[in-house]
Amino acid sequence: MNGWLGRVSPQTLRLVALFLALLATVLFFSTQIEGYLSARMFNRISTSAAVVLPIAVGQAIVIMTRNIDLSVGSILGVVAYMTGQALGAMPEMHPVFAVALAMGIGAVAAAINGVIIAWGRVPSIIVTLGTLALYRSFLVEYSNATTITTASLPQWLVDLPQASLFSIGALDVRVTVVLALAACLVVGVALSRLRAARKFLAVGSNPDAAKMAGIDAPRVVFVAFVLAGALAGLSGFIFLAKFGNITVVAGLGFELKSIAAVVVGGVSIMGGSGTILGVLMGTVLVDTIDNSLTRWELVSEFWRDALLGMLIMAAVTVDTLAARQLARMRRKDGGAE
């Protein structure tokens, strides 16, 4: 048995465990919440997860390089507000240009993080903690305490959250969900197929070895932060479409959600390993729990953030213990052979 487990990829074990945890979560809440297994609940969870997924994928890229980005929630808020303002002023703007604008704003904001971290060699947790507050303060000053309202947005954007690309029985697959999944698919394929994209994992796994192999580590880290910003911008666009009314607190707490989705999805907080499929499953699991708790009358919704924190601690602890156990098992198998 030990020999068999020792030969199974840790990532495969994590994905199986994630699937079982998601299945158990759905089965549990289906016994606690009336009408839980319904098309309405599916649409609610899927559209909510669509907002988190791009920002979680971007966070995963950063964490794979052995860094972290705490500013993504503030970037999301800035993007949602500025994009909404631009669309209010230019309602004829093409949807593709609107998405590109949102991702561009996010990329520029994150590039500041990337430059300071990659070439200034300041720890990412310090830099992004500072820009978390900086971008939030900028949004407060820039907005002058005014709100972007649905009435000021073009009709195509107002209708977008309810637009379905296709349906499976009573289940509607929204356009925003497909947009988030497309971003996830592109990054996942790139990490598994493109040599350039795999440099993120190489730098996070062993920075010194990556440098000896000729990889420009600072440039790779910079690109990781820019991509994370662009994906946070995509989340900002979906957030704007979903909620319509944007205030200075838009995106608050999304940094915690993204980190929870990433580490629960099996991306090592120490960098160098992880899969985008795991991030997708982690996002769905975290959002399923989050949405279910809001409808579960036995638990106060104030416990939602506490539970996310516990999920992060549990995921990192399990990941560390599992890695040690697998290493011991492999050493035993190697000695036996």
Protein backbone atom coordinates (compact mmCIF):
# COMPACT_ATOMS: atom_id res chain seq x y z
CA MET A 1 0.00 0.00 0.00
CA ASN A 2 2.80 2.38 0.96
CA GLY A 3 4.60 1.56 -2.28
CA TRP A 4 1.51 2.40 -4.30
CA LEU A 5 0.94 5.69 -2.48
CA GLY A 6 4.57 6.58 -2.87
CA ARG A 7 4.24 6.37 -6.64
CA VAL A 8 1.11 8.53 -6.83
CA SER A 9 1.73 12.19 -7.59
CA PRO A 10 1.02 14.47 -4.59
CA GLN A 11 -0.96 16.72 -6.96
CA THR A 12 -3.18 13.78 -7.93
CA LEU A 13 -3.83 12.98 -4.27
CA ARG A 14 -4.72 16.62 -3.62
CA LEU A 15 -7.18 16.70 -6.52
CA VAL A 16 -8.87 13.50 -5.33
CA ALA A 17 -9.08 14.88 -1.79
CA LEU A 18 -10.51 18.17 -3.13
CA PHE A 19 -13.18 16.36 -5.12
CA LEU A 20 -14.19 14.30 -2.09
CA ALA A 21 -14.27 17.42 0.11
CA LEU A 22 -16.45 19.24 -2.43
CA LEU A 23 -18.79 16.26 -2.71
CA ALA A 24 -19.04 15.98 1.08
CA THR A 25 -19.74 19.74 1.37
CA VAL A 26 -22.56 19.61 -1.18
CA LEU A 27 -24.10 16.51 0.42
CA PHE A 28 -23.92 18.05 3.90
CA PHE A 29 -25.54 21.36 2.98
CA SER A 30 -28.18 19.59 0.91
CA THR A 31 -29.42 18.08 4.18
CA GLN A 32 -29.36 21.44 5.97
CA ILE A 33 -30.75 23.91 3.41
CA GLU A 34 -34.10 23.46 1.72
CA GLY A 35 -33.91 23.49 -2.08
CA TYR A 36 -30.12 23.41 -2.02
CA LEU A 37 -29.75 21.04 -4.99
CA SER A 38 -31.41 23.37 -7.44
CA ALA A 39 -30.59 25.22 -10.65
CA ARG A 40 -30.94 28.52 -8.78
CA MET A 41 -28.25 27.55 -6.27
CA PHE A 42 -26.00 26.32 -9.08
CA ASN A 43 -26.30 29.66 -10.86
CA ARG A 44 -25.67 31.57 -7.64
CA ILE A 45 -22.50 29.64 -6.80
CA SER A 46 -21.16 29.53 -10.37
CA THR A 47 -21.57 33.27 -10.98
CA SER A 48 -20.04 34.06 -7.61
CA ALA A 49 -17.09 31.75 -8.25
CA ALA A 50 -16.61 33.41 -11.66
CA VAL A 51 -15.65 36.63 -9.89
CA VAL A 52 -13.08 34.90 -7.66
CA LEU A 53 -11.57 32.47 -10.20
CA PRO A 54 -9.46 34.86 -12.34
CA ILE A 55 -8.04 36.61 -9.27
CA ALA A 56 -7.27 33.22 -7.70
CA VAL A 57 -5.49 32.04 -10.86
CA GLY A 58 -3.37 35.20 -10.80
CA GLN A 59 -2.62 34.69 -7.12
CA ALA A 60 -1.57 31.11 -7.89
CA ILE A 61 0.97 32.30 -10.49
CA VAL A 62 2.50 34.67 -7.93
CA ILE A 63 2.59 32.06 -5.17
CA MET A 64 4.21 29.56 -7.53
CA THR A 65 7.16 31.98 -7.74
CA ARG A 66 7.44 31.90 -3.92
CA ASN A 67 5.74 35.29 -3.45
CA ILE A 68 2.29 36.54 -2.46
CA ASP A 69 0.03 39.43 -3.52
CA LEU A 70 -2.13 40.99 -0.82
CA SER A 71 -3.14 43.94 -3.00
CA VAL A 72 -5.35 42.09 -5.49
CA GLY A 73 -8.59 42.97 -3.67
CA SER A 74 -7.77 46.67 -3.77
CA ILE A 75 -6.74 46.40 -7.44
CA LEU A 76 -10.09 44.74 -8.18
CA GLY A 77 -11.89 47.65 -6.52
CA VAL A 78 -9.92 50.29 -8.44
CA VAL A 79 -10.49 48.45 -11.73
CA ALA A 80 -14.22 48.00 -11.15
CA TYR A 81 -14.67 51.69 -10.32
CA MET A 82 -12.50 53.12 -13.12
CA THR A 83 -13.93 50.77 -15.74
CA GLY A 84 -17.47 51.60 -14.64
CA GLN A 85 -16.65 55.29 -14.83
CA ALA A 86 -15.20 54.90 -18.35
CA LEU A 87 -18.22 52.93 -19.55
CA GLY A 88 -20.53 55.55 -18.08
CA ALA A 89 -18.72 58.23 -20.07
CA MET A 90 -18.42 56.10 -23.23
CA PRO A 91 -21.40 53.70 -23.29
CA GLU A 92 -20.69 52.83 -26.93
CA MET A 93 -17.37 51.18 -25.97
CA HIS A 94 -17.10 47.64 -27.38
CA PRO A 95 -17.22 44.87 -24.73
CA VAL A 96 -13.82 43.54 -25.86
CA PHE A 97 -12.25 46.96 -25.34
CA ALA A 98 -13.94 47.21 -21.93
CA VAL A 99 -12.40 43.91 -20.84
CA ALA A 100 -9.01 44.97 -22.24
CA LEU A 101 -9.25 48.29 -20.36
CA ALA A 102 -10.02 46.53 -17.09
CA MET A 103 -7.14 44.07 -17.51
CA GLY A 104 -4.80 46.90 -18.55
CA ILE A 105 -5.57 48.97 -15.44
CA GLY A 106 -4.96 45.91 -13.27
CA ALA A 107 -1.68 45.11 -15.02
CA VAL A 108 -0.35 48.66 -14.59
CA ALA A 109 -1.24 48.71 -10.88
CA ALA A 110 0.42 45.33 -10.32
CA ALA A 111 3.52 46.31 -12.34
CA ILE A 112 4.42 48.70 -9.51
CA ASN A 113 4.46 45.73 -7.13
CA GLY A 114 6.50 43.72 -9.61
CA VAL A 115 9.23 46.32 -10.08
CA ILE A 116 9.77 46.86 -6.36
CA ILE A 117 9.73 43.14 -5.55
CA ALA A 118 11.70 41.81 -8.52
CA TRP A 119 14.45 44.41 -8.79
CA GLY A 120 14.17 46.19 -5.44
CA ARG A 121 14.22 42.78 -3.71
CA VAL A 122 11.74 43.90 -1.06
CA PRO A 123 9.66 41.00 0.38
CA SER A 124 6.38 40.67 -1.49
CA ILE A 125 4.30 40.51 1.68
CA ILE A 126 5.60 43.95 2.73
CA VAL A 127 5.20 45.59 -0.68
CA THR A 128 1.71 44.27 -1.39
CA LEU A 129 0.53 44.99 2.16
CA GLY A 130 1.53 48.60 1.50
CA THR A 131 -0.14 48.77 -1.92
CA LEU A 132 -3.26 47.12 -0.49
CA ALA A 133 -3.70 50.23 1.66
CA LEU A 134 -2.33 52.60 -1.00
CA TYR A 135 -4.73 51.52 -3.77
CA ARG A 136 -7.69 51.47 -1.40
CA SER A 137 -6.86 55.01 -0.25
CA PHE A 138 -6.43 56.07 -3.88
CA LEU A 139 -9.91 54.72 -4.66
CA VAL A 140 -11.43 56.66 -1.76
CA GLU A 141 -9.81 59.92 -2.93
CA TYR A 142 -10.37 59.31 -6.64
CA SER A 143 -14.06 58.47 -6.22
CA ASN A 144 -14.70 61.42 -3.92
CA ALA A 145 -17.17 59.16 -2.06
CA THR A 146 -19.40 58.83 -5.14
CA THR A 147 -20.87 55.52 -6.30
CA ILE A 148 -20.95 53.96 -9.74
CA THR A 149 -24.60 52.98 -10.23
CA THR A 150 -26.30 50.58 -12.60
CA ALA A 151 -28.19 53.51 -14.14
CA SER A 152 -24.92 54.99 -15.45
CA LEU A 153 -23.77 51.77 -17.14
CA PRO A 154 -24.56 50.66 -20.72
CA GLN A 155 -27.44 48.22 -21.05
CA TRP A 156 -25.28 45.40 -22.45
CA LEU A 157 -23.25 45.38 -19.24
CA VAL A 158 -26.36 45.45 -17.04
CA ASP A 159 -27.76 42.46 -18.95
CA LEU A 160 -24.46 40.54 -19.01
CA PRO A 161 -24.80 38.72 -15.62
CA GLN A 162 -28.08 37.14 -16.77
CA ALA A 163 -26.87 36.26 -20.25
CA SER A 164 -26.44 32.52 -20.78
CA LEU A 165 -24.12 31.02 -23.38
CA PHE A 166 -25.90 27.68 -23.22
CA SER A 167 -28.06 25.59 -20.90
CA ILE A 168 -27.85 22.01 -19.64
CA GLY A 169 -31.38 21.12 -18.63
CA ALA A 170 -32.40 23.71 -16.04
CA LEU A 171 -28.78 24.76 -15.46
CA ASP A 172 -27.79 28.00 -17.20
CA VAL A 173 -24.10 28.52 -17.96
CA ARG A 174 -23.61 32.28 -17.83
CA VAL A 175 -21.30 34.24 -20.12
CA THR A 176 -19.31 35.54 -17.14
CA VAL A 177 -18.71 31.96 -15.98
CA VAL A 178 -17.40 30.98 -19.41
CA LEU A 179 -15.19 34.09 -19.46
CA ALA A 180 -13.61 33.13 -16.12
CA LEU A 181 -13.21 29.49 -17.18
CA ALA A 182 -11.56 30.58 -20.45
CA ALA A 183 -8.93 32.58 -18.53
CA CYS A 184 -8.38 29.59 -16.25
CA LEU A 185 -8.01 27.24 -19.24
CA VAL A 186 -5.50 29.50 -21.04
CA VAL A 187 -3.26 29.77 -17.96
CA GLY A 188 -3.57 26.05 -17.20
CA VAL A 189 -2.59 25.04 -20.74
CA ALA A 190 0.28 27.54 -20.75
CA LEU A 191 1.71 26.20 -17.48
CA SER A 192 1.56 22.61 -18.71
CA ARG A 193 2.62 23.15 -22.34
CA LEU A 194 4.76 26.27 -22.67
CA ARG A 195 8.36 26.24 -21.54
CA ALA A 196 8.30 29.98 -20.83
CA ALA A 197 5.30 29.63 -18.51
CA ARG A 198 6.93 26.79 -16.57
CA LYS A 199 9.64 29.24 -15.49
CA PHE A 200 7.22 30.41 -12.78
CA LEU A 201 7.43 26.95 -11.20
CA ALA A 202 11.19 26.74 -11.75
CA VAL A 203 11.86 30.04 -9.99
CA GLY A 204 9.60 29.12 -7.07
CA SER A 205 10.99 25.61 -6.72
CA ASN A 206 14.67 26.57 -6.55
CA PRO A 207 15.65 30.18 -7.32
CA ASP A 208 19.38 29.43 -7.24
CA ALA A 209 19.09 26.49 -9.64
CA ALA A 210 16.86 28.56 -11.92
CA LYS A 211 19.50 31.30 -12.02
CA MET A 212 22.22 28.77 -12.84
CA ALA A 213 20.02 27.45 -15.66
CA GLY A 214 20.00 30.92 -17.21
CA ILE A 215 16.50 31.96 -16.12
CA ASP A 216 16.09 35.68 -15.46
CA ALA A 217 14.35 35.30 -12.09
CA PRO A 218 13.53 39.00 -11.50
CA ARG A 219 11.89 39.23 -14.92
CA VAL A 220 9.86 36.07 -14.28
CA VAL A 221 8.65 37.45 -10.92
CA PHE A 222 7.76 40.78 -12.55
CA VAL A 223 5.74 39.05 -15.27
CA ALA A 224 3.97 36.94 -12.61
CA PHE A 225 2.77 40.07 -10.80
CA VAL A 226 1.70 41.78 -14.04
CA LEU A 227 -0.33 38.70 -15.03
CA ALA A 228 -1.87 38.58 -11.56
CA GLY A 229 -2.86 42.23 -11.94
CA ALA A 230 -4.38 41.64 -15.37
CA LEU A 231 -6.40 38.72 -14.03
CA ALA A 232 -7.48 40.82 -11.04
CA GLY A 233 -8.62 43.34 -13.65
CA LEU A 234 -10.71 40.64 -15.33
CA SER A 235 -12.25 39.83 -11.94
CA GLY A 236 -12.91 43.56 -11.52
CA PHE A 237 -14.82 43.63 -14.81
CA ILE A 238 -16.93 40.59 -13.84
CA PHE A 239 -17.50 42.15 -10.40
CA LEU A 240 -18.71 45.35 -12.07
CA ALA A 241 -21.07 43.39 -14.32
CA LYS A 242 -22.41 41.28 -11.45
CA PHE A 243 -23.08 44.02 -8.91
CA GLY A 244 -23.41 47.21 -10.98
CA ASN A 245 -23.23 49.51 -7.96
CA ILE A 246 -19.54 50.07 -7.11
CA THR A 247 -18.42 51.81 -3.93
CA VAL A 248 -15.03 52.32 -2.29
CA VAL A 249 -15.29 48.94 -0.52
CA ALA A 250 -15.50 46.98 -3.78
CA GLY A 251 -13.20 43.95 -3.68
CA LEU A 252 -12.64 44.16 0.07
CA GLY A 253 -11.59 40.73 1.38
CA PHE A 254 -10.89 39.23 -2.03
CA GLU A 255 -7.21 38.86 -1.19
CA LEU A 256 -8.21 36.42 1.57
CA LYS A 257 -10.60 34.56 -0.73
CA SER A 258 -7.98 34.22 -3.46
CA ILE A 259 -5.32 32.93 -1.08
CA ALA A 260 -7.80 30.46 0.43
CA ALA A 261 -8.77 29.16 -3.03
CA VAL A 262 -5.11 28.77 -4.02
CA VAL A 263 -3.81 26.97 -0.94
CA VAL A 264 -6.93 24.80 -0.61
CA GLY A 265 -6.41 24.01 -4.31
CA GLY A 266 -3.02 22.51 -3.54
CA VAL A 267 -0.61 25.25 -4.61
CA SER A 268 2.32 25.14 -2.19
CA ILE A 269 2.69 28.36 -0.22
CA MET A 270 6.45 27.76 -0.48
CA GLY A 271 6.25 27.97 -4.27
CA GLY A 272 7.31 25.67 -7.07
CA SER A 273 4.26 23.40 -7.28
CA GLY A 274 0.55 23.48 -7.99
CA THR A 275 -1.98 23.12 -10.77
CA ILE A 276 -4.63 25.45 -12.20
CA LEU A 277 -7.15 22.59 -12.06
CA GLY A 278 -6.56 22.48 -8.32
CA VAL A 279 -7.10 26.26 -8.12
CA LEU A 280 -10.39 25.86 -10.00
CA MET A 281 -11.56 23.15 -7.61
CA GLY A 282 -10.34 25.15 -4.60
CA THR A 283 -12.26 28.21 -5.81
CA VAL A 284 -15.45 26.20 -6.26
CA LEU A 285 -15.06 24.61 -2.82
CA VAL A 286 -14.38 27.91 -1.03
CA ASP A 287 -17.24 29.67 -2.81
CA THR A 288 -19.63 26.77 -2.22
CA ILE A 289 -18.92 26.96 1.51
CA ASP A 290 -19.14 30.78 1.50
CA ASN A 291 -22.49 30.87 -0.30
CA SER A 292 -23.89 27.98 1.71
CA LEU A 293 -23.06 29.62 5.03
CA THR A 294 -25.06 32.71 4.05
CA ARG A 295 -28.17 30.51 3.74
CA TRP A 296 -27.48 28.22 6.71
CA GLU A 297 -29.48 29.65 9.59
CA LEU A 298 -27.58 27.76 12.30
CA VAL A 299 -24.36 29.72 11.72
CA SER A 300 -23.86 33.49 11.78
CA GLU A 301 -22.49 34.91 8.54
CA PHE A 302 -19.81 36.66 10.61
CA TRP A 303 -18.08 33.27 10.83
CA ARG A 304 -17.47 33.21 7.07
CA ASP A 305 -14.11 35.01 7.20
CA ALA A 306 -13.10 32.98 10.25
CA LEU A 307 -13.82 29.79 8.35
CA LEU A 308 -11.74 31.00 5.38
CA GLY A 309 -8.86 31.61 7.77
CA MET A 310 -9.24 28.14 9.25
CA LEU A 311 -9.34 26.63 5.75
CA ILE A 312 -6.05 28.36 4.88
CA MET A 313 -4.36 27.09 8.06
CA ALA A 314 -5.74 23.59 7.59
CA ALA A 315 -4.71 23.42 3.94
CA VAL A 316 -1.14 24.57 4.61
CA THR A 317 -0.81 22.21 7.59
CA VAL A 318 -2.15 19.20 5.66
CA ASP A 319 0.06 20.06 2.67
CA THR A 320 3.17 20.21 4.86
CA LEU A 321 2.40 16.99 6.74
CA ALA A 322 1.48 15.14 3.54
CA ALA A 323 4.69 16.24 1.81
CA ARG A 324 6.76 14.97 4.75
CA GLN A 325 4.89 11.66 4.86
CA LEU A 326 5.28 11.08 1.12
CA ALA A 327 8.98 11.90 1.34
CA ARG A 328 9.42 9.35 4.14
CA MET A 329 7.48 6.69 2.21
CA ARG A 330 9.56 7.24 -0.91
CA ARG A 331 12.78 6.97 1.06
CA LYS A 332 11.58 3.67 2.50
CA ASP A 333 10.62 2.38 -0.93
CA GLY A 334 13.99 3.45 -2.32
CA GLY A 335 15.81 1.68 0.50
CA ALA A 336 13.74 -1.49 0.03
CA GLU A 337 14.55 -1.61 -3.67
